[in-house]
Amino acid sequence: MTMLYTTTIITSAEQAEALPLGTIAASDEPVEDAFLAVLRSIKGERVWESVDAGMQGDADMVGWIALVPAQEAARAAGRTVRHALQSVAQAAYPQAG
């Protein structure tokens, strides 16, 4: 199964806290110095976990670029996945719609 993601820049600790589990984030560093982290649930706590950077708090994620699972982003916006995908398709191929 293919997973679609939407991209956003994390601008606050509150935004980082509100992101759904499974979100992947990359630090805003040059590629060779960048860190990756995944938002997971560990012992009931939401934690940003990175092999390179260890555990990160929500405030530590400000400025990072987040890849949010599209299905979860659509749910949070109150849209169906089908509607979200139709919007992406129309933006990519305006002549088709």
C-alpha atoms as a PDB file:
ATOM      1  CA  MET A   1       0.000   0.000   0.000  1.00  0.00           C
ATOM      2  CA  THR A   2       1.256   3.460  -0.889  1.00  0.00           C
ATOM      3  CA  MET A   3       1.201   6.121   1.832  1.00  0.00           C
ATOM      4  CA  LEU A   4       0.606   9.713   0.765  1.00  0.00           C
ATOM      5  CA  TYR A   5       1.941  12.585   2.851  1.00  0.00           C
ATOM      6  CA  THR A   6       1.346  16.309   3.002  1.00  0.00           C
ATOM      7  CA  THR A   7       4.208  18.644   3.878  1.00  0.00           C
ATOM      8  CA  THR A   8       4.204  21.393   6.491  1.00  0.00           C
ATOM      9  CA  ILE A   9       6.761  23.355   8.486  1.00  0.00           C
ATOM     10  CA  ILE A  10       6.345  22.988  12.243  1.00  0.00           C
ATOM     11  CA  THR A  11       5.987  26.533  13.586  1.00  0.00           C
ATOM     12  CA  SER A  12       5.090  25.892  17.245  1.00  0.00           C
ATOM     13  CA  ALA A  13       5.195  23.259  19.979  1.00  0.00           C
ATOM     14  CA  GLU A  14       1.380  23.223  19.954  1.00  0.00           C
ATOM     15  CA  GLN A  15       1.345  22.391  16.253  1.00  0.00           C
ATOM     16  CA  ALA A  16       3.904  19.612  16.775  1.00  0.00           C
ATOM     17  CA  GLU A  17       1.771  18.224  19.608  1.00  0.00           C
ATOM     18  CA  ALA A  18      -1.338  18.192  17.388  1.00  0.00           C
ATOM     19  CA  LEU A  19       0.266  16.234  14.543  1.00  0.00           C
ATOM     20  CA  PRO A  20      -0.954  12.632  14.156  1.00  0.00           C
ATOM     21  CA  LEU A  21       1.072   9.566  15.066  1.00  0.00           C
ATOM     22  CA  GLY A  22       3.123   8.363  12.125  1.00  0.00           C
ATOM     23  CA  THR A  23       4.218  11.857  11.130  1.00  0.00           C
ATOM     24  CA  ILE A  24       7.813  11.940   9.915  1.00  0.00           C
ATOM     25  CA  ALA A  25       9.910  15.079  10.393  1.00  0.00           C
ATOM     26  CA  ALA A  26      13.303  16.209   9.136  1.00  0.00           C
ATOM     27  CA  SER A  27      15.475  18.876  10.706  1.00  0.00           C
ATOM     28  CA  ASP A  28      16.193  22.030   8.775  1.00  0.00           C
ATOM     29  CA  GLU A  29      19.898  21.240   8.411  1.00  0.00           C
ATOM     30  CA  PRO A  30      22.028  20.551   5.344  1.00  0.00           C
ATOM     31  CA  VAL A  31      21.338  17.022   4.085  1.00  0.00           C
ATOM     32  CA  GLU A  32      24.505  15.517   5.553  1.00  0.00           C
ATOM     33  CA  ASP A  33      23.654  16.932   9.014  1.00  0.00           C
ATOM     34  CA  ALA A  34      19.870  16.443   8.949  1.00  0.00           C
ATOM     35  CA  PHE A  35      18.035  14.331  11.499  1.00  0.00           C
ATOM     36  CA  LEU A  36      14.833  12.344  10.966  1.00  0.00           C
ATOM     37  CA  ALA A  37      12.231  11.663  13.640  1.00  0.00           C
ATOM     38  CA  VAL A  38       8.918   9.762  13.738  1.00  0.00           C
ATOM     39  CA  LEU A  39       6.035  10.644  16.046  1.00  0.00           C
ATOM     40  CA  ARG A  40       5.216   7.437  17.936  1.00  0.00           C
ATOM     41  CA  SER A  41       3.345   6.320  21.011  1.00  0.00           C
ATOM     42  CA  ILE A  42       5.766   4.855  23.549  1.00  0.00           C
ATOM     43  CA  LYS A  43       4.218   3.598  26.778  1.00  0.00           C
ATOM     44  CA  GLY A  44       1.174   5.767  26.112  1.00  0.00           C
ATOM     45  CA  GLU A  45       3.184   8.956  25.547  1.00  0.00           C
ATOM     46  CA  ARG A  46       3.523  10.720  22.218  1.00  0.00           C
ATOM     47  CA  VAL A  47       7.254  10.977  21.533  1.00  0.00           C
ATOM     48  CA  TRP A  48       9.333  12.128  18.591  1.00  0.00           C
ATOM     49  CA  GLU A  49      11.884   9.333  18.204  1.00  0.00           C
ATOM     50  CA  SER A  50      15.043   9.581  16.131  1.00  0.00           C
ATOM     51  CA  VAL A  51      17.927   7.164  15.827  1.00  0.00           C
ATOM     52  CA  ASP A  52      20.340  10.085  15.392  1.00  0.00           C
ATOM     53  CA  ALA A  53      18.830  12.714  17.712  1.00  0.00           C
ATOM     54  CA  GLY A  54      17.271  10.522  20.406  1.00  0.00           C
ATOM     55  CA  MET A  55      13.939  11.554  21.925  1.00  0.00           C
ATOM     56  CA  GLN A  56      12.695  15.007  21.032  1.00  0.00           C
ATOM     57  CA  GLY A  57      10.033  17.118  22.709  1.00  0.00           C
ATOM     58  CA  ASP A  58       7.379  19.040  20.784  1.00  0.00           C
ATOM     59  CA  ALA A  59       9.216  22.337  21.373  1.00  0.00           C
ATOM     60  CA  ASP A  60      12.393  20.813  19.891  1.00  0.00           C
ATOM     61  CA  MET A  61      10.554  20.204  16.611  1.00  0.00           C
ATOM     62  CA  VAL A  62       9.894  23.876  15.772  1.00  0.00           C
ATOM     63  CA  GLY A  63      11.448  24.630  12.393  1.00  0.00           C
ATOM     64  CA  TRP A  64      11.488  21.001  11.296  1.00  0.00           C
ATOM     65  CA  ILE A  65       9.699  19.953   8.095  1.00  0.00           C
ATOM     66  CA  ALA A  66       6.903  17.460   8.769  1.00  0.00           C
ATOM     67  CA  LEU A  67       5.461  14.836   6.440  1.00  0.00           C
ATOM     68  CA  VAL A  68       1.929  14.225   7.711  1.00  0.00           C
ATOM     69  CA  PRO A  69       0.044  11.104   6.547  1.00  0.00           C
ATOM     70  CA  ALA A  70      -2.524  12.508   4.066  1.00  0.00           C
ATOM     71  CA  GLN A  71      -5.327  10.334   5.428  1.00  0.00           C
ATOM     72  CA  GLU A  72      -4.834  11.760   8.928  1.00  0.00           C
ATOM     73  CA  ALA A  73      -4.496  15.321   7.609  1.00  0.00           C
ATOM     74  CA  ALA A  74      -7.777  14.925   5.723  1.00  0.00           C
ATOM     75  CA  ARG A  75      -9.505  13.583   8.842  1.00  0.00           C
ATOM     76  CA  ALA A  76      -8.232  16.498  10.916  1.00  0.00           C
ATOM     77  CA  ALA A  77      -9.579  18.923   8.312  1.00  0.00           C
ATOM     78  CA  GLY A  78     -12.966  17.162   8.340  1.00  0.00           C
ATOM     79  CA  ARG A  79     -12.646  15.966   4.765  1.00  0.00           C
ATOM     80  CA  THR A  80     -12.837  12.471   3.393  1.00  0.00           C
ATOM     81  CA  VAL A  81      -9.710  10.936   1.931  1.00  0.00           C
ATOM     82  CA  ARG A  82     -11.452  10.779  -1.435  1.00  0.00           C
ATOM     83  CA  HIS A  83     -12.177  14.521  -1.327  1.00  0.00           C
ATOM     84  CA  ALA A  84      -8.566  15.261  -0.342  1.00  0.00           C
ATOM     85  CA  LEU A  85      -7.231  13.130  -3.204  1.00  0.00           C
ATOM     86  CA  GLN A  86      -9.630  14.781  -5.668  1.00  0.00           C
ATOM     87  CA  SER A  87      -8.309  18.180  -4.582  1.00  0.00           C
ATOM     88  CA  VAL A  88      -4.721  17.022  -5.148  1.00  0.00           C
ATOM     89  CA  ALA A  89      -5.609  15.574  -8.557  1.00  0.00           C
ATOM     90  CA  GLN A  90      -7.395  18.783  -9.628  1.00  0.00           C
ATOM     91  CA  ALA A  91      -4.428  20.887  -8.549  1.00  0.00           C
ATOM     92  CA  ALA A  92      -1.996  18.638 -10.422  1.00  0.00           C
ATOM     93  CA  TYR A  93      -4.159  18.192 -13.530  1.00  0.00           C
ATOM     94  CA  PRO A  94      -6.518  21.180 -13.813  1.00  0.00           C
ATOM     95  CA  GLN A  95      -7.425  20.351 -17.413  1.00  0.00           C
ATOM     96  CA  ALA A  96      -8.897  16.986 -16.335  1.00  0.00           C
ATOM     97  CA  GLY A  97     -11.522  18.520 -14.039  1.00  0.00           C
END
